[in-house]
Amino acid sequence: MTPPPVRLAVLVSGGGTNLLALLDALAESGVARVAGVISSRADAGALERARQRGVPATVLSDPADAAEVITSLGDANLVVLAGYLKRVPPAAVARFALRMINIHPALLPAFGGPGMYGRRVHERVLASGAAISGATVHYVDEEYDHGPIIAQWPVPVRPGDTPDTLAARVLEVEHRLLPLVVLELARRGMPSVPVRLFPDASAFAAQNTLAVRFVDESRRRDGSPS
């Protein structure tokens, strides 16, 4: 018997381009679907994107209220922070342990932490002189940008880059990486232990795109087939 789709609750604070990427990627999927969108701001553009797709959308009156956050997430199997700028209350993190993930526009653990979001991240990357940036999907814990990393993808920093040009290239990768990770976790039945995934680098080199296939490093270490 085919299991029902994994139900996603997506937490947002801004325009919702990662939400849109998820909605597009999951539109024909029987594996996972966006069941609800929850915003920390009433004026977030992501709310309108959700409404246009017929997805229930709500606004938190107090994002620091753990009970309200937990109630808003309902019976979600997986919670996705997609441009969510508030700290998730610890009780909500505990309620969805290893079932809450975040997308960050840099290669963690570098360029993360309180206040590191949006343009600030790319300004810091450029100021550091780093040759590589990228995107990271990680499990959420009680600290900003701190939980175990699930998957990353590098983005080169080019000569003459500005925060805006670098942000645009990183965002393109975010829009591909986040749906792939969500689908992979859903296909694996939402594992109860942390999973570390590595996109197929050979396919990226050949096609300059993210491969659908992931390699699970935990399986590779114990000799099991990936």
C-alpha atoms as a PDB file:
ATOM      1  CA  MET A   1       0.000   0.000   0.000  1.00  0.00           C
ATOM      2  CA  THR A   2       1.385   3.394  -0.976  1.00  0.00           C
ATOM      3  CA  PRO A   3       1.935   5.630   2.065  1.00  0.00           C
ATOM      4  CA  PRO A   4       0.207   9.013   2.109  1.00  0.00           C
ATOM      5  CA  PRO A   5       2.302  12.045   1.090  1.00  0.00           C
ATOM      6  CA  VAL A   6       4.475  13.624   3.758  1.00  0.00           C
ATOM      7  CA  ARG A   7       2.675  16.748   4.978  1.00  0.00           C
ATOM      8  CA  LEU A   8       4.844  19.888   4.978  1.00  0.00           C
ATOM      9  CA  ALA A   9       4.303  22.996   7.069  1.00  0.00           C
ATOM     10  CA  VAL A  10       6.401  25.866   5.694  1.00  0.00           C
ATOM     11  CA  LEU A  11       7.442  28.742   7.956  1.00  0.00           C
ATOM     12  CA  VAL A  12       8.076  32.032   6.145  1.00  0.00           C
ATOM     13  CA  SER A  13       8.821  35.697   6.794  1.00  0.00           C
ATOM     14  CA  GLY A  14       9.405  37.196   3.354  1.00  0.00           C
ATOM     15  CA  GLY A  15       8.647  36.949  -0.336  1.00  0.00           C
ATOM     16  CA  GLY A  16       8.451  33.183  -0.493  1.00  0.00           C
ATOM     17  CA  THR A  17      10.628  32.248  -3.464  1.00  0.00           C
ATOM     18  CA  ASN A  18      11.771  29.059  -1.728  1.00  0.00           C
ATOM     19  CA  LEU A  19       8.144  28.311  -0.909  1.00  0.00           C
ATOM     20  CA  LEU A  20       7.309  28.715  -4.597  1.00  0.00           C
ATOM     21  CA  ALA A  21      10.168  26.378  -5.524  1.00  0.00           C
ATOM     22  CA  LEU A  22       8.732  23.768  -3.156  1.00  0.00           C
ATOM     23  CA  LEU A  23       5.209  24.194  -4.498  1.00  0.00           C
ATOM     24  CA  ASP A  24       6.440  23.788  -8.067  1.00  0.00           C
ATOM     25  CA  ALA A  25       8.638  20.779  -7.296  1.00  0.00           C
ATOM     26  CA  LEU A  26       5.932  18.965  -5.333  1.00  0.00           C
ATOM     27  CA  ALA A  27       3.004  19.797  -7.613  1.00  0.00           C
ATOM     28  CA  GLU A  28       3.012  16.375  -9.272  1.00  0.00           C
ATOM     29  CA  SER A  29       4.578  14.471  -6.400  1.00  0.00           C
ATOM     30  CA  GLY A  30       2.805  11.745  -4.492  1.00  0.00           C
ATOM     31  CA  VAL A  31       5.637  11.717  -1.958  1.00  0.00           C
ATOM     32  CA  ALA A  32       5.220  15.086  -0.246  1.00  0.00           C
ATOM     33  CA  ARG A  33       2.969  18.134  -0.373  1.00  0.00           C
ATOM     34  CA  VAL A  34       2.757  21.560   1.233  1.00  0.00           C
ATOM     35  CA  ALA A  35      -0.172  21.343   3.651  1.00  0.00           C
ATOM     36  CA  GLY A  36       0.134  24.784   5.207  1.00  0.00           C
ATOM     37  CA  VAL A  37       2.120  28.012   5.305  1.00  0.00           C
ATOM     38  CA  ILE A  38       2.740  29.930   8.521  1.00  0.00           C
ATOM     39  CA  SER A  39       4.191  33.445   8.509  1.00  0.00           C
ATOM     40  CA  SER A  40       5.751  35.578  11.209  1.00  0.00           C
ATOM     41  CA  ARG A  41       4.573  38.702   9.332  1.00  0.00           C
ATOM     42  CA  ALA A  42       1.175  39.700   8.009  1.00  0.00           C
ATOM     43  CA  ASP A  43       2.757  41.501   5.030  1.00  0.00           C
ATOM     44  CA  ALA A  44       4.949  38.596   3.868  1.00  0.00           C
ATOM     45  CA  GLY A  45       4.664  38.070   0.123  1.00  0.00           C
ATOM     46  CA  ALA A  46       4.775  34.321   0.701  1.00  0.00           C
ATOM     47  CA  LEU A  47       1.219  34.456   2.047  1.00  0.00           C
ATOM     48  CA  GLU A  48      -0.132  35.567  -1.309  1.00  0.00           C
ATOM     49  CA  ARG A  49       1.887  32.874  -3.098  1.00  0.00           C
ATOM     50  CA  ALA A  50       0.280  30.283  -0.822  1.00  0.00           C
ATOM     51  CA  ARG A  51      -3.219  31.636  -1.376  1.00  0.00           C
ATOM     52  CA  GLN A  52      -2.724  31.634  -5.151  1.00  0.00           C
ATOM     53  CA  ARG A  53      -1.916  27.913  -4.955  1.00  0.00           C
ATOM     54  CA  GLY A  54      -4.825  27.134  -2.638  1.00  0.00           C
ATOM     55  CA  VAL A  55      -2.607  26.343   0.349  1.00  0.00           C
ATOM     56  CA  PRO A  56      -3.937  27.335   3.797  1.00  0.00           C
ATOM     57  CA  ALA A  57      -1.930  30.253   5.179  1.00  0.00           C
ATOM     58  CA  THR A  58      -1.879  31.744   8.658  1.00  0.00           C
ATOM     59  CA  VAL A  59      -0.021  34.518  10.483  1.00  0.00           C
ATOM     60  CA  LEU A  60       1.425  34.041  13.950  1.00  0.00           C
ATOM     61  CA  SER A  61       0.332  36.665  16.457  1.00  0.00           C
ATOM     62  CA  ASP A  62       3.427  35.918  18.577  1.00  0.00           C
ATOM     63  CA  PRO A  63       6.221  33.851  16.977  1.00  0.00           C
ATOM     64  CA  ALA A  64       7.818  33.472  20.431  1.00  0.00           C
ATOM     65  CA  ASP A  65       4.746  31.680  21.789  1.00  0.00           C
ATOM     66  CA  ALA A  66       5.628  27.979  21.642  1.00  0.00           C
ATOM     67  CA  ALA A  67       2.034  26.828  22.089  1.00  0.00           C
ATOM     68  CA  GLU A  68       0.847  28.988  19.189  1.00  0.00           C
ATOM     69  CA  VAL A  69       3.654  27.799  16.937  1.00  0.00           C
ATOM     70  CA  ILE A  70       3.020  24.146  17.737  1.00  0.00           C
ATOM     71  CA  THR A  71      -0.718  24.550  17.170  1.00  0.00           C
ATOM     72  CA  SER A  72      -0.135  26.278  13.830  1.00  0.00           C
ATOM     73  CA  LEU A  73       2.100  23.427  12.648  1.00  0.00           C
ATOM     74  CA  GLY A  74      -0.648  20.941  13.389  1.00  0.00           C
ATOM     75  CA  ASP A  75      -0.049  17.388  12.205  1.00  0.00           C
ATOM     76  CA  ALA A  76       2.817  18.227   9.844  1.00  0.00           C
ATOM     77  CA  ASN A  77       5.298  15.418   9.249  1.00  0.00           C
ATOM     78  CA  LEU A  78       8.020  17.870   8.253  1.00  0.00           C
ATOM     79  CA  VAL A  79       8.479  21.568   9.049  1.00  0.00           C
ATOM     80  CA  VAL A  80      10.495  23.626   6.563  1.00  0.00           C
ATOM     81  CA  LEU A  81      11.900  27.046   7.435  1.00  0.00           C
ATOM     82  CA  ALA A  82      12.040  28.865   4.101  1.00  0.00           C
ATOM     83  CA  GLY A  83      13.246  32.383   4.779  1.00  0.00           C
ATOM     84  CA  TYR A  84      11.866  32.332   8.320  1.00  0.00           C
ATOM     85  CA  LEU A  85      13.628  35.010  10.372  1.00  0.00           C
ATOM     86  CA  LYS A  86      12.393  34.268  13.886  1.00  0.00           C
ATOM     87  CA  ARG A  87      13.902  31.895  16.420  1.00  0.00           C
ATOM     88  CA  VAL A  88      11.673  28.850  16.783  1.00  0.00           C
ATOM     89  CA  PRO A  89      10.760  28.349  20.467  1.00  0.00           C
ATOM     90  CA  PRO A  90      12.641  25.410  22.029  1.00  0.00           C
ATOM     91  CA  ALA A  91       9.427  23.541  22.852  1.00  0.00           C
ATOM     92  CA  ALA A  92       8.426  23.627  19.182  1.00  0.00           C
ATOM     93  CA  VAL A  93      11.896  22.468  18.125  1.00  0.00           C
ATOM     94  CA  ALA A  94      11.630  19.560  20.577  1.00  0.00           C
ATOM     95  CA  ARG A  95       8.153  18.684  19.328  1.00  0.00           C
ATOM     96  CA  PHE A  96       9.505  18.331  15.775  1.00  0.00           C
ATOM     97  CA  ALA A  97      12.971  16.988  16.534  1.00  0.00           C
ATOM     98  CA  LEU A  98      14.657  15.815  13.300  1.00  0.00           C
ATOM     99  CA  ARG A  99      11.478  16.824  11.475  1.00  0.00           C
ATOM    100  CA  MET A 100      12.285  20.548  11.190  1.00  0.00           C
ATOM    101  CA  ILE A 101      14.780  21.820   8.606  1.00  0.00           C
ATOM    102  CA  ASN A 102      16.093  25.184   7.426  1.00  0.00           C
ATOM    103  CA  ILE A 103      17.693  26.542   4.253  1.00  0.00           C
ATOM    104  CA  HIS A 104      20.609  28.969   4.774  1.00  0.00           C
ATOM    105  CA  PRO A 105      22.366  31.000   2.040  1.00  0.00           C
ATOM    106  CA  ALA A 106      25.955  30.067   2.936  1.00  0.00           C
ATOM    107  CA  LEU A 107      28.087  27.033   3.697  1.00  0.00           C
ATOM    108  CA  LEU A 108      27.537  26.496   7.404  1.00  0.00           C
ATOM    109  CA  PRO A 109      29.032  26.571   9.950  1.00  0.00           C
ATOM    110  CA  ALA A 110      30.577  29.685   8.412  1.00  0.00           C
ATOM    111  CA  PHE A 111      28.460  32.838   8.049  1.00  0.00           C
ATOM    112  CA  GLY A 112      25.613  31.722  10.281  1.00  0.00           C
ATOM    113  CA  GLY A 113      24.147  32.685  13.630  1.00  0.00           C
ATOM    114  CA  PRO A 114      21.973  35.481  15.028  1.00  0.00           C
ATOM    115  CA  GLY A 115      21.380  38.292  12.546  1.00  0.00           C
ATOM    116  CA  MET A 116      22.950  36.398   9.657  1.00  0.00           C
ATOM    117  CA  TYR A 117      20.268  36.375   7.004  1.00  0.00           C
ATOM    118  CA  GLY A 118      19.614  37.824   3.565  1.00  0.00           C
ATOM    119  CA  ARG A 119      22.009  40.419   2.231  1.00  0.00           C
ATOM    120  CA  ARG A 120      24.040  40.440   5.452  1.00  0.00           C
ATOM    121  CA  VAL A 121      25.281  36.919   4.756  1.00  0.00           C
ATOM    122  CA  HIS A 122      26.543  37.781   1.276  1.00  0.00           C
ATOM    123  CA  GLU A 123      28.159  41.010   2.469  1.00  0.00           C
ATOM    124  CA  ARG A 124      30.052  39.033   5.105  1.00  0.00           C
ATOM    125  CA  VAL A 125      31.128  36.382   2.601  1.00  0.00           C
ATOM    126  CA  LEU A 126      32.524  39.014   0.242  1.00  0.00           C
ATOM    127  CA  ALA A 127      34.227  40.916   3.065  1.00  0.00           C
ATOM    128  CA  SER A 128      35.952  37.715   4.178  1.00  0.00           C
ATOM    129  CA  GLY A 129      37.557  37.130   0.784  1.00  0.00           C
ATOM    130  CA  ALA A 130      36.114  33.614   0.595  1.00  0.00           C
ATOM    131  CA  ALA A 131      36.357  31.970  -2.828  1.00  0.00           C
ATOM    132  CA  ILE A 132      33.320  29.747  -2.274  1.00  0.00           C
ATOM    133  CA  SER A 133      29.864  30.328  -0.836  1.00  0.00           C
ATOM    134  CA  GLY A 134      26.781  28.184  -1.269  1.00  0.00           C
ATOM    135  CA  ALA A 135      23.588  26.920   0.324  1.00  0.00           C
ATOM    136  CA  THR A 136      22.999  24.629   3.297  1.00  0.00           C
ATOM    137  CA  VAL A 137      19.980  22.627   4.420  1.00  0.00           C
ATOM    138  CA  HIS A 138      20.219  21.600   8.062  1.00  0.00           C
ATOM    139  CA  TYR A 139      18.143  20.294  10.939  1.00  0.00           C
ATOM    140  CA  VAL A 140      16.851  22.997  13.273  1.00  0.00           C
ATOM    141  CA  ASP A 141      17.874  23.008  16.916  1.00  0.00           C
ATOM    142  CA  GLU A 142      17.628  25.628  19.664  1.00  0.00           C
ATOM    143  CA  GLU A 143      20.351  27.847  18.160  1.00  0.00           C
ATOM    144  CA  TYR A 144      20.376  29.848  14.938  1.00  0.00           C
ATOM    145  CA  ASP A 145      21.914  27.945  11.989  1.00  0.00           C
ATOM    146  CA  HIS A 146      23.387  25.321  14.296  1.00  0.00           C
ATOM    147  CA  GLY A 147      21.701  21.920  13.831  1.00  0.00           C
ATOM    148  CA  PRO A 148      23.278  18.980  11.959  1.00  0.00           C
ATOM    149  CA  ILE A 149      23.887  19.640   8.272  1.00  0.00           C
ATOM    150  CA  ILE A 150      21.833  17.542   5.846  1.00  0.00           C
ATOM    151  CA  ALA A 151      23.131  18.773   2.489  1.00  0.00           C
ATOM    152  CA  GLN A 152      25.170  21.608   0.972  1.00  0.00           C
ATOM    153  CA  TRP A 153      25.998  22.867  -2.485  1.00  0.00           C
ATOM    154  CA  PRO A 154      28.864  25.252  -3.291  1.00  0.00           C
ATOM    155  CA  VAL A 155      28.588  28.439  -5.327  1.00  0.00           C
ATOM    156  CA  PRO A 156      31.784  30.152  -6.536  1.00  0.00           C
ATOM    157  CA  VAL A 157      32.443  33.745  -5.604  1.00  0.00           C
ATOM    158  CA  ARG A 158      33.374  35.539  -8.810  1.00  0.00           C
ATOM    159  CA  PRO A 159      35.623  38.567  -9.314  1.00  0.00           C
ATOM    160  CA  GLY A 160      33.522  41.713  -9.187  1.00  0.00           C
ATOM    161  CA  ASP A 161      30.660  40.046  -7.295  1.00  0.00           C
ATOM    162  CA  THR A 162      28.374  42.288  -5.282  1.00  0.00           C
ATOM    163  CA  PRO A 163      26.062  41.080  -2.495  1.00  0.00           C
ATOM    164  CA  ASP A 164      23.231  41.164  -5.021  1.00  0.00           C
ATOM    165  CA  THR A 165      24.941  39.156  -7.761  1.00  0.00           C
ATOM    166  CA  LEU A 166      26.196  36.555  -5.288  1.00  0.00           C
ATOM    167  CA  ALA A 167      22.774  36.354  -3.641  1.00  0.00           C
ATOM    168  CA  ALA A 168      21.110  35.701  -6.981  1.00  0.00           C
ATOM    169  CA  ARG A 169      23.370  32.738  -7.789  1.00  0.00           C
ATOM    170  CA  VAL A 170      23.031  31.274  -4.292  1.00  0.00           C
ATOM    171  CA  LEU A 171      19.258  31.636  -4.455  1.00  0.00           C
ATOM    172  CA  GLU A 172      19.134  29.646  -7.702  1.00  0.00           C
ATOM    173  CA  VAL A 173      20.853  26.783  -5.888  1.00  0.00           C
ATOM    174  CA  GLU A 174      18.550  27.124  -2.869  1.00  0.00           C
ATOM    175  CA  HIS A 175      15.545  26.721  -5.154  1.00  0.00           C
ATOM    176  CA  ARG A 176      16.912  23.393  -6.397  1.00  0.00           C
ATOM    177  CA  LEU A 177      18.560  22.038  -3.253  1.00  0.00           C
ATOM    178  CA  LEU A 178      15.671  22.496  -0.813  1.00  0.00           C
ATOM    179  CA  PRO A 179      13.055  20.533  -2.819  1.00  0.00           C
ATOM    180  CA  LEU A 180      15.553  17.746  -3.493  1.00  0.00           C
ATOM    181  CA  VAL A 181      16.306  17.379   0.217  1.00  0.00           C
ATOM    182  CA  VAL A 182      12.608  17.441   1.126  1.00  0.00           C
ATOM    183  CA  LEU A 183      11.825  14.751  -1.424  1.00  0.00           C
ATOM    184  CA  GLU A 184      14.761  12.618  -0.334  1.00  0.00           C
ATOM    185  CA  LEU A 185      13.763  12.762   3.341  1.00  0.00           C
ATOM    186  CA  ALA A 186      10.172  11.958   2.415  1.00  0.00           C
ATOM    187  CA  ARG A 187      11.214   8.977   0.295  1.00  0.00           C
ATOM    188  CA  ARG A 188      13.295   7.685   3.206  1.00  0.00           C
ATOM    189  CA  GLY A 189      10.263   7.826   5.495  1.00  0.00           C
ATOM    190  CA  MET A 190      11.492  10.762   7.589  1.00  0.00           C
ATOM    191  CA  PRO A 191      14.442   8.988   9.283  1.00  0.00           C
ATOM    192  CA  SER A 192      14.619   9.191  13.078  1.00  0.00           C
ATOM    193  CA  VAL A 193      18.388   9.719  12.994  1.00  0.00           C
ATOM    194  CA  PRO A 194      20.243  12.600  11.293  1.00  0.00           C
ATOM    195  CA  VAL A 195      20.919  12.052   7.597  1.00  0.00           C
ATOM    196  CA  ARG A 196      23.850  13.591   5.718  1.00  0.00           C
ATOM    197  CA  LEU A 197      23.378  13.745   1.962  1.00  0.00           C
ATOM    198  CA  PHE A 198      25.842  14.603  -0.779  1.00  0.00           C
ATOM    199  CA  PRO A 199      24.578  15.617  -4.247  1.00  0.00           C
ATOM    200  CA  ASP A 200      26.155  13.639  -7.055  1.00  0.00           C
ATOM    201  CA  ALA A 201      29.137  15.821  -7.929  1.00  0.00           C
ATOM    202  CA  SER A 202      29.843  14.074 -11.220  1.00  0.00           C
ATOM    203  CA  ALA A 203      26.413  15.006 -12.539  1.00  0.00           C
ATOM    204  CA  PHE A 204      26.909  18.602 -11.424  1.00  0.00           C
ATOM    205  CA  ALA A 205      30.233  18.787 -13.249  1.00  0.00           C
ATOM    206  CA  ALA A 206      28.695  17.423 -16.414  1.00  0.00           C
ATOM    207  CA  GLN A 207      25.425  19.356 -16.398  1.00  0.00           C
ATOM    208  CA  ASN A 208      26.024  22.339 -14.082  1.00  0.00           C
ATOM    209  CA  THR A 209      22.870  21.341 -12.237  1.00  0.00           C
ATOM    210  CA  LEU A 210      21.981  19.476  -9.091  1.00  0.00           C
ATOM    211  CA  ALA A 211      21.600  15.726  -9.499  1.00  0.00           C
ATOM    212  CA  VAL A 212      18.488  14.042  -8.200  1.00  0.00           C
ATOM    213  CA  ARG A 213      20.564  11.224  -6.743  1.00  0.00           C
ATOM    214  CA  PHE A 214      22.063  11.683  -3.289  1.00  0.00           C
ATOM    215  CA  VAL A 215      24.774   9.669  -1.579  1.00  0.00           C
ATOM    216  CA  ASP A 216      24.103   8.970   2.097  1.00  0.00           C
ATOM    217  CA  GLU A 217      27.456   9.262   3.855  1.00  0.00           C
ATOM    218  CA  SER A 218      26.270   7.237   6.863  1.00  0.00           C
ATOM    219  CA  ARG A 219      25.552   4.260   4.606  1.00  0.00           C
ATOM    220  CA  ARG A 220      28.827   4.677   2.759  1.00  0.00           C
ATOM    221  CA  ARG A 221      30.780   4.566   6.028  1.00  0.00           C
ATOM    222  CA  ASP A 222      29.254   1.287   7.221  1.00  0.00           C
ATOM    223  CA  GLY A 223      29.690  -0.413   3.869  1.00  0.00           C
ATOM    224  CA  SER A 224      26.037  -0.530   2.964  1.00  0.00           C
ATOM    225  CA  PRO A 225      24.958   0.303  -0.600  1.00  0.00           C
ATOM    226  CA  SER A 226      24.112   3.950  -1.154  1.00  0.00           C
END
